Amino acid sequence: MNVPVTCAGQKVNPGDIITADEDGVVVVPRDKAAEILKKAQELDFQERSTYPFIEQVKSLKQAVAKFGRL
């Protein structure tokens, strides 16, 4: 308890954040958590901003061309 471990080749330290869903598992190092949260929120905002455009033009291809990703 409260010692570093390795799971599937990934080092996990005490206090790291671990999250998972049907696509996989992510280990967020505690000292990078704020930086990673900010980036994740920016990506979420960017993705949600594409929804009205997609509904308007009815084209994923045009959305990718405009936003660079979905």
PDB file of N, CA and C in Angstrom:
ATOM      1  N   MET A   1       0.844  -1.177   0.000  1.00  0.00           N
ATOM      2  CA  MET A   1       0.000   0.000   0.000  1.00  0.00           C
ATOM      3  C   MET A   1       0.894   1.247   0.000  1.00  0.00           C
ATOM      4  N   ASN A   2       0.510   2.229  -0.827  1.00  0.00           N
ATOM      5  CA  ASN A   2       1.247   3.491  -0.940  1.00  0.00           C
ATOM      6  C   ASN A   2       2.683   3.325  -1.412  1.00  0.00           C
ATOM      7  N   VAL A   3       2.878   2.414  -2.351  1.00  0.00           N
ATOM      8  CA  VAL A   3       4.178   2.238  -2.990  1.00  0.00           C
ATOM      9  C   VAL A   3       3.942   2.193  -4.500  1.00  0.00           C
ATOM     10  N   PRO A   4       4.928   2.590  -5.304  1.00  0.00           N
ATOM     11  CA  PRO A   4       4.769   2.488  -6.756  1.00  0.00           C
ATOM     12  C   PRO A   4       4.586   1.037  -7.191  1.00  0.00           C
ATOM     13  N   VAL A   5       3.751   0.839  -8.207  1.00  0.00           N
ATOM     14  CA  VAL A   5       3.542  -0.486  -8.791  1.00  0.00           C
ATOM     15  C   VAL A   5       3.605  -0.332 -10.313  1.00  0.00           C
ATOM     16  N   THR A   6       3.734  -1.440 -10.994  1.00  0.00           N
ATOM     17  CA  THR A   6       3.698  -1.441 -12.450  1.00  0.00           C
ATOM     18  C   THR A   6       2.549  -2.349 -12.893  1.00  0.00           C
ATOM     19  N   CYS A   7       1.684  -1.804 -13.729  1.00  0.00           N
ATOM     20  CA  CYS A   7       0.544  -2.560 -14.264  1.00  0.00           C
ATOM     21  C   CYS A   7       0.608  -2.494 -15.784  1.00  0.00           C
ATOM     22  N   ALA A   8       0.719  -3.652 -16.399  1.00  0.00           N
ATOM     23  CA  ALA A   8       0.788  -3.734 -17.868  1.00  0.00           C
ATOM     24  C   ALA A   8       1.871  -2.817 -18.426  1.00  0.00           C
ATOM     25  N   GLY A   9       2.998  -2.749 -17.725  1.00  0.00           N
ATOM     26  CA  GLY A   9       4.120  -1.946 -18.188  1.00  0.00           C
ATOM     27  C   GLY A   9       4.046  -0.475 -17.830  1.00  0.00           C
ATOM     28  N   GLN A  10       2.970  -0.060 -17.188  1.00  0.00           N
ATOM     29  CA  GLN A  10       2.792   1.355 -16.825  1.00  0.00           C
ATOM     30  C   GLN A  10       3.044   1.545 -15.336  1.00  0.00           C
ATOM     31  N   LYS A  11       3.956   2.439 -14.994  1.00  0.00           N
ATOM     32  CA  LYS A  11       4.224   2.721 -13.588  1.00  0.00           C
ATOM     33  C   LYS A  11       3.081   3.557 -13.012  1.00  0.00           C
ATOM     34  N   VAL A  12       2.618   3.164 -11.844  1.00  0.00           N
ATOM     35  CA  VAL A  12       1.553   3.869 -11.139  1.00  0.00           C
ATOM     36  C   VAL A  12       2.077   4.217  -9.749  1.00  0.00           C
ATOM     37  N   ASN A  13       2.074   5.502  -9.434  1.00  0.00           N
ATOM     38  CA  ASN A  13       2.558   5.968  -8.145  1.00  0.00           C
ATOM     39  C   ASN A  13       1.399   6.270  -7.211  1.00  0.00           C
ATOM     40  N   PRO A  14       1.632   6.216  -5.914  1.00  0.00           N
ATOM     41  CA  PRO A  14       0.581   6.612  -4.967  1.00  0.00           C
ATOM     42  C   PRO A  14       0.084   8.026  -5.296  1.00  0.00           C
ATOM     43  N   GLY A  15      -1.218   8.207  -5.317  1.00  0.00           N
ATOM     44  CA  GLY A  15      -1.811   9.511  -5.617  1.00  0.00           C
ATOM     45  C   GLY A  15      -2.127   9.732  -7.076  1.00  0.00           C
ATOM     46  N   ASP A  16      -1.637   8.869  -7.972  1.00  0.00           N
ATOM     47  CA  ASP A  16      -1.987   9.002  -9.384  1.00  0.00           C
ATOM     48  C   ASP A  16      -3.478   8.755  -9.559  1.00  0.00           C
ATOM     49  N   ILE A  17      -4.026   9.315 -10.599  1.00  0.00           N
ATOM     50  CA  ILE A  17      -5.447   9.150 -10.902  1.00  0.00           C
ATOM     51  C   ILE A  17      -5.573   8.082 -11.979  1.00  0.00           C
ATOM     52  N   ILE A  18      -6.442   7.117 -11.746  1.00  0.00           N
ATOM     53  CA  ILE A  18      -6.682   6.045 -12.715  1.00  0.00           C
ATOM     54  C   ILE A  18      -8.142   6.102 -13.121  1.00  0.00           C
ATOM     55  N   THR A  19      -8.371   6.090 -14.428  1.00  0.00           N
ATOM     56  CA  THR A  19      -9.740   6.075 -14.931  1.00  0.00           C
ATOM     57  C   THR A  19      -9.818   5.075 -16.079  1.00  0.00           C
ATOM     58  N   ALA A  20     -11.007   4.546 -16.299  1.00  0.00           N
ATOM     59  CA  ALA A  20     -11.170   3.533 -17.339  1.00  0.00           C
ATOM     60  C   ALA A  20     -12.570   3.597 -17.922  1.00  0.00           C
ATOM     61  N   ASP A  21     -12.668   3.138 -19.158  1.00  0.00           N
ATOM     62  CA  ASP A  21     -13.962   2.933 -19.794  1.00  0.00           C
ATOM     63  C   ASP A  21     -13.820   1.751 -20.742  1.00  0.00           C
ATOM     64  N   GLU A  22     -14.777   1.564 -21.629  1.00  0.00           N
ATOM     65  CA  GLU A  22     -14.751   0.405 -22.517  1.00  0.00           C
ATOM     66  C   GLU A  22     -13.595   0.452 -23.518  1.00  0.00           C
ATOM     67  N   ASP A  23     -12.975   1.621 -23.692  1.00  0.00           N
ATOM     68  CA  ASP A  23     -11.859   1.746 -24.624  1.00  0.00           C
ATOM     69  C   ASP A  23     -10.497   1.516 -23.994  1.00  0.00           C
ATOM     70  N   GLY A  24     -10.421   1.559 -22.672  1.00  0.00           N
ATOM     71  CA  GLY A  24      -9.122   1.338 -22.044  1.00  0.00           C
ATOM     72  C   GLY A  24      -8.977   2.003 -20.695  1.00  0.00           C
ATOM     73  N   VAL A  25      -7.732   2.031 -20.220  1.00  0.00           N
ATOM     74  CA  VAL A  25      -7.394   2.561 -18.903  1.00  0.00           C
ATOM     75  C   VAL A  25      -6.346   3.662 -19.085  1.00  0.00           C
ATOM     76  N   VAL A  26      -6.472   4.715 -18.281  1.00  0.00           N
ATOM     77  CA  VAL A  26      -5.518   5.818 -18.326  1.00  0.00           C
ATOM     78  C   VAL A  26      -5.008   6.076 -16.922  1.00  0.00           C
ATOM     79  N   VAL A  27      -3.689   6.285 -16.822  1.00  0.00           N
ATOM     80  CA  VAL A  27      -3.074   6.686 -15.565  1.00  0.00           C
ATOM     81  C   VAL A  27      -2.635   8.137 -15.722  1.00  0.00           C
ATOM     82  N   VAL A  28      -3.150   9.003 -14.865  1.00  0.00           N
ATOM     83  CA  VAL A  28      -2.778  10.415 -14.885  1.00  0.00           C
ATOM     84  C   VAL A  28      -1.863  10.674 -13.692  1.00  0.00           C
ATOM     85  N   PRO A  29      -0.592  11.010 -13.964  1.00  0.00           N
ATOM     86  CA  PRO A  29       0.300  11.316 -12.853  1.00  0.00           C
ATOM     87  C   PRO A  29      -0.230  12.512 -12.056  1.00  0.00           C
ATOM     88  N   ARG A  30      -0.203  12.391 -10.758  1.00  0.00           N
ATOM     89  CA  ARG A  30      -0.763  13.428  -9.886  1.00  0.00           C
ATOM     90  C   ARG A  30      -0.185  14.810 -10.199  1.00  0.00           C
ATOM     91  N   ASP A  31       1.112  14.884 -10.461  1.00  0.00           N
ATOM     92  CA  ASP A  31       1.741  16.187 -10.696  1.00  0.00           C
ATOM     93  C   ASP A  31       1.368  16.791 -12.050  1.00  0.00           C
ATOM     94  N   LYS A  32       0.720  16.020 -12.924  1.00  0.00           N
ATOM     95  CA  LYS A  32       0.282  16.518 -14.226  1.00  0.00           C
ATOM     96  C   LYS A  32      -1.242  16.646 -14.320  1.00  0.00           C
ATOM     97  N   ALA A  33      -1.947  16.342 -13.242  1.00  0.00           N
ATOM     98  CA  ALA A  33      -3.412  16.284 -13.278  1.00  0.00           C
ATOM     99  C   ALA A  33      -4.049  17.603 -13.704  1.00  0.00           C
ATOM    100  N   ALA A  34      -3.615  18.722 -13.151  1.00  0.00           N
ATOM    101  CA  ALA A  34      -4.222  20.017 -13.497  1.00  0.00           C
ATOM    102  C   ALA A  34      -4.006  20.339 -14.973  1.00  0.00           C
ATOM    103  N   GLU A  35      -2.811  20.098 -15.479  1.00  0.00           N
ATOM    104  CA  GLU A  35      -2.484  20.353 -16.882  1.00  0.00           C
ATOM    105  C   GLU A  35      -3.325  19.467 -17.807  1.00  0.00           C
ATOM    106  N   ILE A  36      -3.462  18.207 -17.454  1.00  0.00           N
ATOM    107  CA  ILE A  36      -4.228  17.264 -18.276  1.00  0.00           C
ATOM    108  C   ILE A  36      -5.716  17.590 -18.220  1.00  0.00           C
ATOM    109  N   LEU A  37      -6.224  17.984 -17.053  1.00  0.00           N
ATOM    110  CA  LEU A  37      -7.626  18.384 -16.940  1.00  0.00           C
ATOM    111  C   LEU A  37      -7.912  19.582 -17.843  1.00  0.00           C
ATOM    112  N   LYS A  38      -7.043  20.574 -17.824  1.00  0.00           N
ATOM    113  CA  LYS A  38      -7.241  21.759 -18.662  1.00  0.00           C
ATOM    114  C   LYS A  38      -7.291  21.376 -20.134  1.00  0.00           C
ATOM    115  N   LYS A  39      -6.365  20.531 -20.580  1.00  0.00           N
ATOM    116  CA  LYS A  39      -6.344  20.108 -21.980  1.00  0.00           C
ATOM    117  C   LYS A  39      -7.600  19.308 -22.338  1.00  0.00           C
ATOM    118  N   ALA A  40      -8.029  18.428 -21.442  1.00  0.00           N
ATOM    119  CA  ALA A  40      -9.241  17.638 -21.688  1.00  0.00           C
ATOM    120  C   ALA A  40     -10.467  18.541 -21.796  1.00  0.00           C
ATOM    121  N   GLN A  41     -10.544  19.566 -20.959  1.00  0.00           N
ATOM    122  CA  GLN A  41     -11.672  20.496 -21.027  1.00  0.00           C
ATOM    123  C   GLN A  41     -11.654  21.285 -22.330  1.00  0.00           C
ATOM    124  N   GLU A  42     -10.465  21.678 -22.780  1.00  0.00           N
ATOM    125  CA  GLU A  42     -10.351  22.385 -24.060  1.00  0.00           C
ATOM    126  C   GLU A  42     -10.810  21.500 -25.216  1.00  0.00           C
ATOM    127  N   LEU A  43     -10.395  20.234 -25.212  1.00  0.00           N
ATOM    128  CA  LEU A  43     -10.809  19.308 -26.269  1.00  0.00           C
ATOM    129  C   LEU A  43     -12.314  19.062 -26.235  1.00  0.00           C
ATOM    130  N   ASP A  44     -12.876  18.925 -25.031  1.00  0.00           N
ATOM    131  CA  ASP A  44     -14.315  18.722 -24.893  1.00  0.00           C
ATOM    132  C   ASP A  44     -15.075  19.927 -25.448  1.00  0.00           C
ATOM    133  N   PHE A  45     -14.618  21.122 -25.115  1.00  0.00           N
ATOM    134  CA  PHE A  45     -15.268  22.337 -25.633  1.00  0.00           C
ATOM    135  C   PHE A  45     -15.187  22.381 -27.156  1.00  0.00           C
ATOM    136  N   GLN A  46     -14.005  22.052 -27.695  1.00  0.00           N
ATOM    137  CA  GLN A  46     -13.824  22.061 -29.148  1.00  0.00           C
ATOM    138  C   GLN A  46     -14.778  21.072 -29.815  1.00  0.00           C
ATOM    139  N   GLU A  47     -14.875  19.866 -29.258  1.00  0.00           N
ATOM    140  CA  GLU A  47     -15.775  18.866 -29.841  1.00  0.00           C
ATOM    141  C   GLU A  47     -17.220  19.330 -29.788  1.00  0.00           C
ATOM    142  N   ARG A  48     -17.644  19.848 -28.653  1.00  0.00           N
ATOM    143  CA  ARG A  48     -19.033  20.301 -28.517  1.00  0.00           C
ATOM    144  C   ARG A  48     -19.336  21.480 -29.435  1.00  0.00           C
ATOM    145  N   SER A  49     -18.325  22.260 -29.748  1.00  0.00           N
ATOM    146  CA  SER A  49     -18.509  23.401 -30.652  1.00  0.00           C
ATOM    147  C   SER A  49     -18.777  22.960 -32.078  1.00  0.00           C
ATOM    148  N   THR A  50     -18.414  21.730 -32.414  1.00  0.00           N
ATOM    149  CA  THR A  50     -18.638  21.248 -33.778  1.00  0.00           C
ATOM    150  C   THR A  50     -20.075  20.789 -34.007  1.00  0.00           C
ATOM    151  N   TYR A  51     -20.798  20.450 -32.937  1.00  0.00           N
ATOM    152  CA  TYR A  51     -22.153  19.895 -33.092  1.00  0.00           C
ATOM    153  C   TYR A  51     -23.086  20.798 -33.895  1.00  0.00           C
ATOM    154  N   PRO A  52     -23.196  22.092 -33.563  1.00  0.00           N
ATOM    155  CA  PRO A  52     -24.106  22.933 -34.363  1.00  0.00           C
ATOM    156  C   PRO A  52     -23.703  23.003 -35.833  1.00  0.00           C
ATOM    157  N   PHE A  53     -22.399  23.034 -36.090  1.00  0.00           N
ATOM    158  CA  PHE A  53     -21.932  23.069 -37.483  1.00  0.00           C
ATOM    159  C   PHE A  53     -22.336  21.800 -38.217  1.00  0.00           C
ATOM    160  N   ILE A  54     -22.132  20.657 -37.576  1.00  0.00           N
ATOM    161  CA  ILE A  54     -22.490  19.375 -38.204  1.00  0.00           C
ATOM    162  C   ILE A  54     -23.990  19.315 -38.461  1.00  0.00           C
ATOM    163  N   GLU A  55     -24.793  19.757 -37.501  1.00  0.00           N
ATOM    164  CA  GLU A  55     -26.247  19.757 -37.696  1.00  0.00           C
ATOM    165  C   GLU A  55     -26.650  20.672 -38.841  1.00  0.00           C
ATOM    166  N   GLN A  56     -25.945  21.772 -38.984  1.00  0.00           N
ATOM    167  CA  GLN A  56     -26.275  22.730 -40.035  1.00  0.00           C
ATOM    168  C   GLN A  56     -25.911  22.208 -41.419  1.00  0.00           C
ATOM    169  N   VAL A  57     -24.679  21.713 -41.580  1.00  0.00           N
ATOM    170  CA  VAL A  57     -24.219  21.312 -42.917  1.00  0.00           C
ATOM    171  C   VAL A  57     -24.472  19.844 -43.224  1.00  0.00           C
ATOM    172  N   LYS A  58     -24.785  19.051 -42.196  1.00  0.00           N
ATOM    173  CA  LYS A  58     -25.076  17.623 -42.369  1.00  0.00           C
ATOM    174  C   LYS A  58     -23.913  16.868 -43.021  1.00  0.00           C
ATOM    175  N   SER A  59     -22.681  17.240 -42.624  1.00  0.00           N
ATOM    176  CA  SER A  59     -21.513  16.608 -43.240  1.00  0.00           C
ATOM    177  C   SER A  59     -20.365  16.497 -42.240  1.00  0.00           C
ATOM    178  N   LEU A  60     -19.991  15.258 -41.903  1.00  0.00           N
ATOM    179  CA  LEU A  60     -18.828  15.053 -41.048  1.00  0.00           C
ATOM    180  C   LEU A  60     -17.550  15.438 -41.790  1.00  0.00           C
ATOM    181  N   LYS A  61     -17.526  15.194 -43.095  1.00  0.00           N
ATOM    182  CA  LYS A  61     -16.355  15.524 -43.895  1.00  0.00           C
ATOM    183  C   LYS A  61     -16.061  17.025 -43.831  1.00  0.00           C
ATOM    184  N   GLN A  62     -17.083  17.844 -43.960  1.00  0.00           N
ATOM    185  CA  GLN A  62     -16.900  19.296 -43.880  1.00  0.00           C
ATOM    186  C   GLN A  62     -16.494  19.722 -42.468  1.00  0.00           C
ATOM    187  N   ALA A  63     -17.025  19.053 -41.454  1.00  0.00           N
ATOM    188  CA  ALA A  63     -16.655  19.382 -40.078  1.00  0.00           C
ATOM    189  C   ALA A  63     -15.178  19.078 -39.811  1.00  0.00           C
ATOM    190  N   VAL A  64     -14.712  17.937 -40.301  1.00  0.00           N
ATOM    191  CA  VAL A  64     -13.304  17.585 -40.140  1.00  0.00           C
ATOM    192  C   VAL A  64     -12.425  18.575 -40.889  1.00  0.00           C
ATOM    193  N   ALA A  65     -12.849  18.969 -42.081  1.00  0.00           N
ATOM    194  CA  ALA A  65     -12.081  19.946 -42.857  1.00  0.00           C
ATOM    195  C   ALA A  65     -12.009  21.294 -42.129  1.00  0.00           C
ATOM    196  N   LYS A  66     -13.093  21.688 -41.484  1.00  0.00           N
ATOM    197  CA  LYS A  66     -13.129  22.979 -40.795  1.00  0.00           C
ATOM    198  C   LYS A  66     -12.406  22.948 -39.456  1.00  0.00           C
ATOM    199  N   PHE A  67     -12.630  21.882 -38.652  1.00  0.00           N
ATOM    200  CA  PHE A  67     -12.112  21.852 -37.285  1.00  0.00           C
ATOM    201  C   PHE A  67     -10.859  20.983 -37.124  1.00  0.00           C
ATOM    202  N   GLY A  68     -10.527  20.204 -38.136  1.00  0.00           N
ATOM    203  CA  GLY A  68      -9.338  19.378 -38.058  1.00  0.00           C
ATOM    204  C   GLY A  68      -9.533  18.063 -37.347  1.00  0.00           C
ATOM    205  N   ARG A  69     -10.636  17.911 -36.649  1.00  0.00           N
ATOM    206  CA  ARG A  69     -10.956  16.668 -35.927  1.00  0.00           C
ATOM    207  C   ARG A  69     -12.381  16.777 -35.418  1.00  0.00           C
ATOM    208  N   LEU A  70     -12.886  15.686 -34.933  1.00  0.00           N
ATOM    209  CA  LEU A  70     -14.199  15.688 -34.280  1.00  0.00           C
ATOM    210  C   LEU A  70     -14.020  15.412 -32.819  1.00  0.00           C
TER     211      LEU A  70
END
